[in-house]
Amino acid sequence: MQKLTNKEEQIMHILWKLEKAFVKDVLAEIKNDKPHYNTLSTIIRNLEEKGYVGYNAFGKTHQYFPIVTKEDYKKRFMNTAIENYFNNSYKNVVSFFAKEEKISVEELREIIELIEKK
């Protein structure tokens, strides 16, 4: 799976939410920095070429839908981040969030409980 640009990832989040959409539907969902219709169409076609999006043709217009699930993308994204930034160590990930005060002691206890239950 090829890496997505920030803009492509933004568009994928919209497609995951809508499940099926024409370019105009995706454009309507973008709140800030709306791209031109043709630019957005190109981004979606790039997503198709990368294997993230499929489409149904209705004459000259296409209705797009995600081929890659959000869950599959999330797993790939997290695995890559953990490998590249945390030396492939989940312990390093958790300690990073603890040091940054992004996770509480109570949340850590919940994680330990989840691990012990497995």
N, C-alpha and C. Protein backbone atom coordinates (compact mmCIF):
# COMPACT_ATOMS: atom_id res chain seq x y z
N MET A 1 0.84 -1.18 0.00
CA MET A 1 0.00 0.00 0.00
C MET A 1 0.88 1.24 0.00
N GLN A 2 0.64 2.14 -0.95
CA GLN A 2 1.42 3.37 -1.02
C GLN A 2 0.99 4.34 0.07
N LYS A 3 1.95 5.13 0.52
CA LYS A 3 1.69 6.15 1.53
C LYS A 3 0.79 7.24 0.95
N LEU A 4 -0.09 7.78 1.79
CA LEU A 4 -0.98 8.85 1.36
C LEU A 4 -0.42 10.21 1.76
N THR A 5 -0.69 11.21 0.95
CA THR A 5 -0.37 12.59 1.33
C THR A 5 -1.41 13.03 2.37
N ASN A 6 -1.16 14.14 3.03
CA ASN A 6 -2.13 14.65 4.01
C ASN A 6 -3.48 14.92 3.37
N LYS A 7 -3.48 15.49 2.18
CA LYS A 7 -4.73 15.81 1.48
C LYS A 7 -5.46 14.52 1.10
N GLU A 8 -4.72 13.53 0.61
CA GLU A 8 -5.34 12.25 0.25
C GLU A 8 -5.95 11.58 1.48
N GLU A 9 -5.25 11.66 2.60
CA GLU A 9 -5.77 11.08 3.83
C GLU A 9 -7.05 11.80 4.26
N GLN A 10 -7.07 13.13 4.13
CA GLN A 10 -8.28 13.90 4.45
C GLN A 10 -9.46 13.42 3.59
N ILE A 11 -9.21 13.21 2.32
CA ILE A 11 -10.26 12.76 1.41
C ILE A 11 -10.72 11.34 1.77
N MET A 12 -9.79 10.48 2.15
CA MET A 12 -10.16 9.13 2.55
C MET A 12 -11.06 9.15 3.78
N HIS A 13 -10.79 10.03 4.74
CA HIS A 13 -11.65 10.13 5.93
C HIS A 13 -13.08 10.51 5.51
N ILE A 14 -13.20 11.37 4.54
CA ILE A 14 -14.53 11.75 4.04
C ILE A 14 -15.19 10.56 3.36
N LEU A 15 -14.45 9.84 2.54
CA LEU A 15 -15.02 8.67 1.85
C LEU A 15 -15.39 7.57 2.84
N TRP A 16 -14.60 7.37 3.87
CA TRP A 16 -14.96 6.38 4.89
C TRP A 16 -16.27 6.79 5.58
N LYS A 17 -16.41 8.07 5.82
CA LYS A 17 -17.63 8.57 6.47
C LYS A 17 -18.85 8.41 5.56
N LEU A 18 -18.70 8.81 4.30
CA LEU A 18 -19.83 8.80 3.37
C LEU A 18 -20.11 7.41 2.77
N GLU A 19 -19.10 6.57 2.72
CA GLU A 19 -19.14 5.22 2.15
C GLU A 19 -19.22 5.19 0.63
N LYS A 20 -20.03 6.03 0.01
CA LYS A 20 -20.10 6.19 -1.44
C LYS A 20 -20.31 7.67 -1.71
N ALA A 21 -19.61 8.21 -2.70
CA ALA A 21 -19.76 9.64 -2.94
C ALA A 21 -19.28 10.03 -4.33
N PHE A 22 -19.95 11.02 -4.89
CA PHE A 22 -19.49 11.67 -6.10
C PHE A 22 -18.52 12.77 -5.66
N VAL A 23 -17.73 13.29 -6.58
CA VAL A 23 -16.76 14.34 -6.25
C VAL A 23 -17.47 15.52 -5.58
N LYS A 24 -18.63 15.90 -6.07
CA LYS A 24 -19.36 17.05 -5.48
C LYS A 24 -19.75 16.78 -4.02
N ASP A 25 -20.02 15.50 -3.69
CA ASP A 25 -20.37 15.15 -2.30
C ASP A 25 -19.15 15.30 -1.39
N VAL A 26 -18.00 14.87 -1.89
CA VAL A 26 -16.76 15.00 -1.12
C VAL A 26 -16.44 16.48 -0.94
N LEU A 27 -16.57 17.26 -1.99
CA LEU A 27 -16.29 18.70 -1.93
C LEU A 27 -17.17 19.38 -0.89
N ALA A 28 -18.43 18.97 -0.81
CA ALA A 28 -19.36 19.57 0.16
C ALA A 28 -18.94 19.30 1.61
N GLU A 29 -18.20 18.23 1.83
CA GLU A 29 -17.76 17.87 3.19
C GLU A 29 -16.52 18.63 3.65
N ILE A 30 -15.78 19.21 2.72
CA ILE A 30 -14.55 19.92 3.07
C ILE A 30 -14.90 21.30 3.59
N LYS A 31 -14.48 21.57 4.81
CA LYS A 31 -14.85 22.83 5.48
C LYS A 31 -13.87 23.96 5.19
N ASN A 32 -12.57 23.66 5.28
CA ASN A 32 -11.54 24.69 5.11
C ASN A 32 -10.69 24.38 3.89
N ASP A 33 -10.20 25.43 3.26
CA ASP A 33 -9.31 25.29 2.09
C ASP A 33 -9.89 24.36 1.03
N LYS A 34 -11.12 24.66 0.61
CA LYS A 34 -11.77 23.84 -0.42
C LYS A 34 -10.95 23.89 -1.71
N PRO A 35 -10.58 22.71 -2.21
CA PRO A 35 -9.86 22.70 -3.49
C PRO A 35 -10.84 22.93 -4.63
N HIS A 36 -10.33 23.27 -5.79
CA HIS A 36 -11.16 23.37 -6.99
C HIS A 36 -11.69 21.97 -7.31
N TYR A 37 -12.86 21.88 -7.89
CA TYR A 37 -13.48 20.61 -8.24
C TYR A 37 -12.52 19.71 -9.02
N ASN A 38 -11.84 20.26 -10.02
CA ASN A 38 -10.92 19.47 -10.84
C ASN A 38 -9.73 18.96 -10.04
N THR A 39 -9.25 19.76 -9.11
CA THR A 39 -8.15 19.35 -8.24
C THR A 39 -8.59 18.18 -7.38
N LEU A 40 -9.77 18.29 -6.80
CA LEU A 40 -10.30 17.21 -5.96
C LEU A 40 -10.50 15.94 -6.78
N SER A 41 -11.00 16.09 -7.98
CA SER A 41 -11.20 14.95 -8.87
C SER A 41 -9.86 14.25 -9.14
N THR A 42 -8.81 15.01 -9.34
CA THR A 42 -7.47 14.45 -9.56
C THR A 42 -6.98 13.70 -8.32
N ILE A 43 -7.20 14.27 -7.14
CA ILE A 43 -6.79 13.62 -5.89
C ILE A 43 -7.50 12.27 -5.75
N ILE A 44 -8.79 12.25 -6.04
CA ILE A 44 -9.55 11.01 -5.92
C ILE A 44 -9.08 9.98 -6.94
N ARG A 45 -8.77 10.43 -8.15
CA ARG A 45 -8.24 9.50 -9.16
C ARG A 45 -6.87 8.95 -8.72
N ASN A 46 -6.06 9.78 -8.05
CA ASN A 46 -4.78 9.31 -7.51
C ASN A 46 -5.02 8.23 -6.45
N LEU A 47 -6.04 8.43 -5.63
CA LEU A 47 -6.39 7.42 -4.63
C LEU A 47 -6.81 6.12 -5.29
N GLU A 48 -7.48 6.24 -6.41
CA GLU A 48 -7.88 5.06 -7.18
C GLU A 48 -6.64 4.34 -7.71
N GLU A 49 -5.69 5.09 -8.28
CA GLU A 49 -4.46 4.51 -8.80
C GLU A 49 -3.63 3.84 -7.71
N LYS A 50 -3.68 4.38 -6.51
CA LYS A 50 -2.94 3.81 -5.39
C LYS A 50 -3.65 2.59 -4.78
N GLY A 51 -4.88 2.33 -5.24
CA GLY A 51 -5.61 1.16 -4.77
C GLY A 51 -6.44 1.37 -3.52
N TYR A 52 -6.71 2.61 -3.18
CA TYR A 52 -7.52 2.91 -1.99
C TYR A 52 -9.00 3.08 -2.31
N VAL A 53 -9.31 3.42 -3.56
CA VAL A 53 -10.66 3.80 -3.94
C VAL A 53 -11.08 3.06 -5.21
N GLY A 54 -12.34 2.67 -5.25
CA GLY A 54 -12.94 2.12 -6.46
C GLY A 54 -14.08 3.02 -6.89
N TYR A 55 -14.73 2.69 -7.99
CA TYR A 55 -15.84 3.53 -8.42
C TYR A 55 -16.86 2.74 -9.22
N ASN A 56 -18.06 3.27 -9.24
CA ASN A 56 -19.12 2.81 -10.13
C ASN A 56 -19.36 3.94 -11.13
N ALA A 57 -19.39 3.60 -12.41
CA ALA A 57 -19.60 4.61 -13.45
C ALA A 57 -21.09 4.77 -13.72
N PHE A 58 -21.51 6.02 -13.80
CA PHE A 58 -22.86 6.39 -14.19
C PHE A 58 -22.72 7.35 -15.35
N GLY A 59 -22.65 6.83 -16.55
CA GLY A 59 -22.37 7.68 -17.70
C GLY A 59 -20.96 8.22 -17.59
N LYS A 60 -20.84 9.55 -17.64
CA LYS A 60 -19.52 10.18 -17.55
C LYS A 60 -19.11 10.48 -16.11
N THR A 61 -19.99 10.26 -15.17
CA THR A 61 -19.67 10.58 -13.78
C THR A 61 -19.40 9.29 -12.99
N HIS A 62 -18.58 9.41 -11.97
CA HIS A 62 -18.20 8.26 -11.16
C HIS A 62 -18.61 8.47 -9.71
N GLN A 63 -19.12 7.40 -9.11
CA GLN A 63 -19.40 7.40 -7.68
C GLN A 63 -18.28 6.57 -7.03
N TYR A 64 -17.54 7.19 -6.13
CA TYR A 64 -16.37 6.57 -5.54
C TYR A 64 -16.70 5.94 -4.20
N PHE A 65 -15.93 4.90 -3.85
CA PHE A 65 -16.08 4.23 -2.57
C PHE A 65 -14.72 3.70 -2.13
N PRO A 66 -14.50 3.63 -0.81
CA PRO A 66 -13.21 3.13 -0.32
C PRO A 66 -13.08 1.63 -0.53
N ILE A 67 -11.91 1.20 -0.95
CA ILE A 67 -11.59 -0.23 -1.06
C ILE A 67 -10.85 -0.66 0.20
N VAL A 68 -9.99 0.21 0.70
CA VAL A 68 -9.24 -0.04 1.93
C VAL A 68 -10.08 0.47 3.10
N THR A 69 -10.29 -0.38 4.09
CA THR A 69 -11.08 0.04 5.25
C THR A 69 -10.26 0.98 6.14
N LYS A 70 -10.97 1.76 6.90
CA LYS A 70 -10.31 2.67 7.84
C LYS A 70 -9.49 1.88 8.85
N GLU A 71 -10.02 0.73 9.27
CA GLU A 71 -9.32 -0.12 10.23
C GLU A 71 -8.01 -0.64 9.66
N ASP A 72 -8.02 -1.11 8.41
CA ASP A 72 -6.79 -1.59 7.77
C ASP A 72 -5.77 -0.47 7.62
N TYR A 73 -6.24 0.71 7.24
CA TYR A 73 -5.33 1.85 7.09
C TYR A 73 -4.73 2.23 8.45
N LYS A 74 -5.58 2.23 9.48
CA LYS A 74 -5.11 2.60 10.82
C LYS A 74 -4.02 1.63 11.29
N LYS A 75 -4.23 0.34 11.06
CA LYS A 75 -3.22 -0.66 11.46
C LYS A 75 -1.90 -0.40 10.74
N ARG A 76 -1.98 -0.17 9.43
CA ARG A 76 -0.77 0.08 8.64
C ARG A 76 -0.08 1.35 9.12
N PHE A 77 -0.86 2.41 9.33
CA PHE A 77 -0.33 3.70 9.77
C PHE A 77 0.37 3.55 11.13
N MET A 78 -0.30 2.88 12.07
CA MET A 78 0.27 2.72 13.41
C MET A 78 1.52 1.84 13.38
N ASN A 79 1.47 0.75 12.64
CA ASN A 79 2.64 -0.13 12.55
C ASN A 79 3.84 0.61 11.98
N THR A 80 3.60 1.42 10.95
CA THR A 80 4.69 2.19 10.34
C THR A 80 5.24 3.22 11.33
N ALA A 81 4.35 3.92 12.03
CA ALA A 81 4.79 4.93 13.01
C ALA A 81 5.58 4.29 14.14
N ILE A 82 5.11 3.16 14.64
CA ILE A 82 5.80 2.48 15.73
C ILE A 82 7.17 1.99 15.27
N GLU A 83 7.23 1.47 14.06
CA GLU A 83 8.50 0.99 13.51
C GLU A 83 9.48 2.14 13.30
N ASN A 84 8.99 3.25 12.71
CA ASN A 84 9.87 4.36 12.34
C ASN A 84 10.26 5.28 13.50
N TYR A 85 9.36 5.45 14.48
CA TYR A 85 9.60 6.44 15.53
C TYR A 85 9.83 5.85 16.92
N PHE A 86 9.49 4.58 17.10
CA PHE A 86 9.58 4.00 18.44
C PHE A 86 10.39 2.71 18.47
N ASN A 87 11.25 2.53 17.47
CA ASN A 87 12.14 1.37 17.41
C ASN A 87 11.37 0.06 17.51
N ASN A 88 10.18 0.06 16.91
CA ASN A 88 9.31 -1.12 16.87
C ASN A 88 8.94 -1.63 18.27
N SER A 89 8.87 -0.72 19.25
CA SER A 89 8.59 -1.09 20.64
C SER A 89 7.29 -0.43 21.10
N TYR A 90 6.33 -1.25 21.47
CA TYR A 90 5.07 -0.72 22.00
C TYR A 90 5.27 -0.13 23.38
N LYS A 91 6.25 -0.65 24.11
CA LYS A 91 6.60 -0.08 25.42
C LYS A 91 7.07 1.37 25.23
N ASN A 92 7.87 1.60 24.20
CA ASN A 92 8.33 2.97 23.92
C ASN A 92 7.17 3.89 23.57
N VAL A 93 6.17 3.35 22.89
CA VAL A 93 4.98 4.15 22.54
C VAL A 93 4.26 4.58 23.80
N VAL A 94 3.98 3.62 24.68
CA VAL A 94 3.24 3.92 25.91
C VAL A 94 4.05 4.87 26.78
N SER A 95 5.35 4.64 26.92
CA SER A 95 6.16 5.53 27.76
C SER A 95 6.23 6.94 27.17
N PHE A 96 6.23 7.05 25.84
CA PHE A 96 6.21 8.36 25.19
C PHE A 96 4.95 9.14 25.62
N PHE A 97 3.79 8.47 25.55
CA PHE A 97 2.54 9.15 25.91
C PHE A 97 2.49 9.44 27.41
N ALA A 98 3.08 8.58 28.21
CA ALA A 98 3.12 8.84 29.66
C ALA A 98 3.99 10.06 29.95
N LYS A 99 5.16 10.14 29.31
CA LYS A 99 6.06 11.28 29.51
C LYS A 99 5.43 12.58 29.03
N GLU A 100 4.67 12.50 27.95
CA GLU A 100 4.01 13.68 27.40
C GLU A 100 2.72 14.02 28.14
N GLU A 101 2.41 13.22 29.16
CA GLU A 101 1.19 13.37 29.96
C GLU A 101 -0.07 13.31 29.09
N LYS A 102 -0.05 12.41 28.12
CA LYS A 102 -1.19 12.21 27.23
C LYS A 102 -2.01 11.00 27.66
N ILE A 103 -1.50 10.27 28.67
CA ILE A 103 -2.20 9.09 29.17
C ILE A 103 -2.11 9.12 30.69
N SER A 104 -3.22 8.81 31.34
CA SER A 104 -3.27 8.86 32.80
C SER A 104 -2.93 7.51 33.41
N VAL A 105 -2.67 7.52 34.71
CA VAL A 105 -2.39 6.29 35.43
C VAL A 105 -3.61 5.37 35.34
N GLU A 106 -4.79 5.93 35.44
CA GLU A 106 -6.02 5.14 35.35
C GLU A 106 -6.12 4.45 33.97
N GLU A 107 -5.80 5.19 32.91
CA GLU A 107 -5.83 4.60 31.57
C GLU A 107 -4.78 3.49 31.44
N LEU A 108 -3.61 3.69 32.06
CA LEU A 108 -2.58 2.65 32.04
C LEU A 108 -3.06 1.40 32.78
N ARG A 109 -3.77 1.59 33.89
CA ARG A 109 -4.33 0.45 34.62
C ARG A 109 -5.35 -0.30 33.74
N GLU A 110 -6.16 0.45 33.01
CA GLU A 110 -7.14 -0.17 32.10
C GLU A 110 -6.43 -0.99 31.03
N ILE A 111 -5.33 -0.47 30.52
CA ILE A 111 -4.55 -1.19 29.51
C ILE A 111 -4.00 -2.48 30.10
N ILE A 112 -3.47 -2.40 31.33
CA ILE A 112 -2.94 -3.59 31.99
C ILE A 112 -4.04 -4.63 32.18
N GLU A 113 -5.22 -4.18 32.57
CA GLU A 113 -6.36 -5.10 32.74
C GLU A 113 -6.71 -5.77 31.42
N LEU A 114 -6.71 -5.00 30.33
CA LEU A 114 -7.00 -5.59 29.02
C LEU A 114 -5.98 -6.65 28.66
N ILE A 115 -4.71 -6.37 28.92
CA ILE A 115 -3.65 -7.32 28.62
C ILE A 115 -3.80 -8.58 29.47
N GLU A 116 -4.09 -8.40 30.75
CA GLU A 116 -4.22 -9.55 31.65
C GLU A 116 -5.42 -10.42 31.28
N LYS A 117 -6.47 -9.84 30.76
CA LYS A 117 -7.66 -10.59 30.36
C LYS A 117 -7.41 -11.47 29.14
N LYS A 118 -6.46 -11.07 28.31
CA LYS A 118 -6.13 -11.86 27.11
C LYS A 118 -5.28 -12.98 27.54
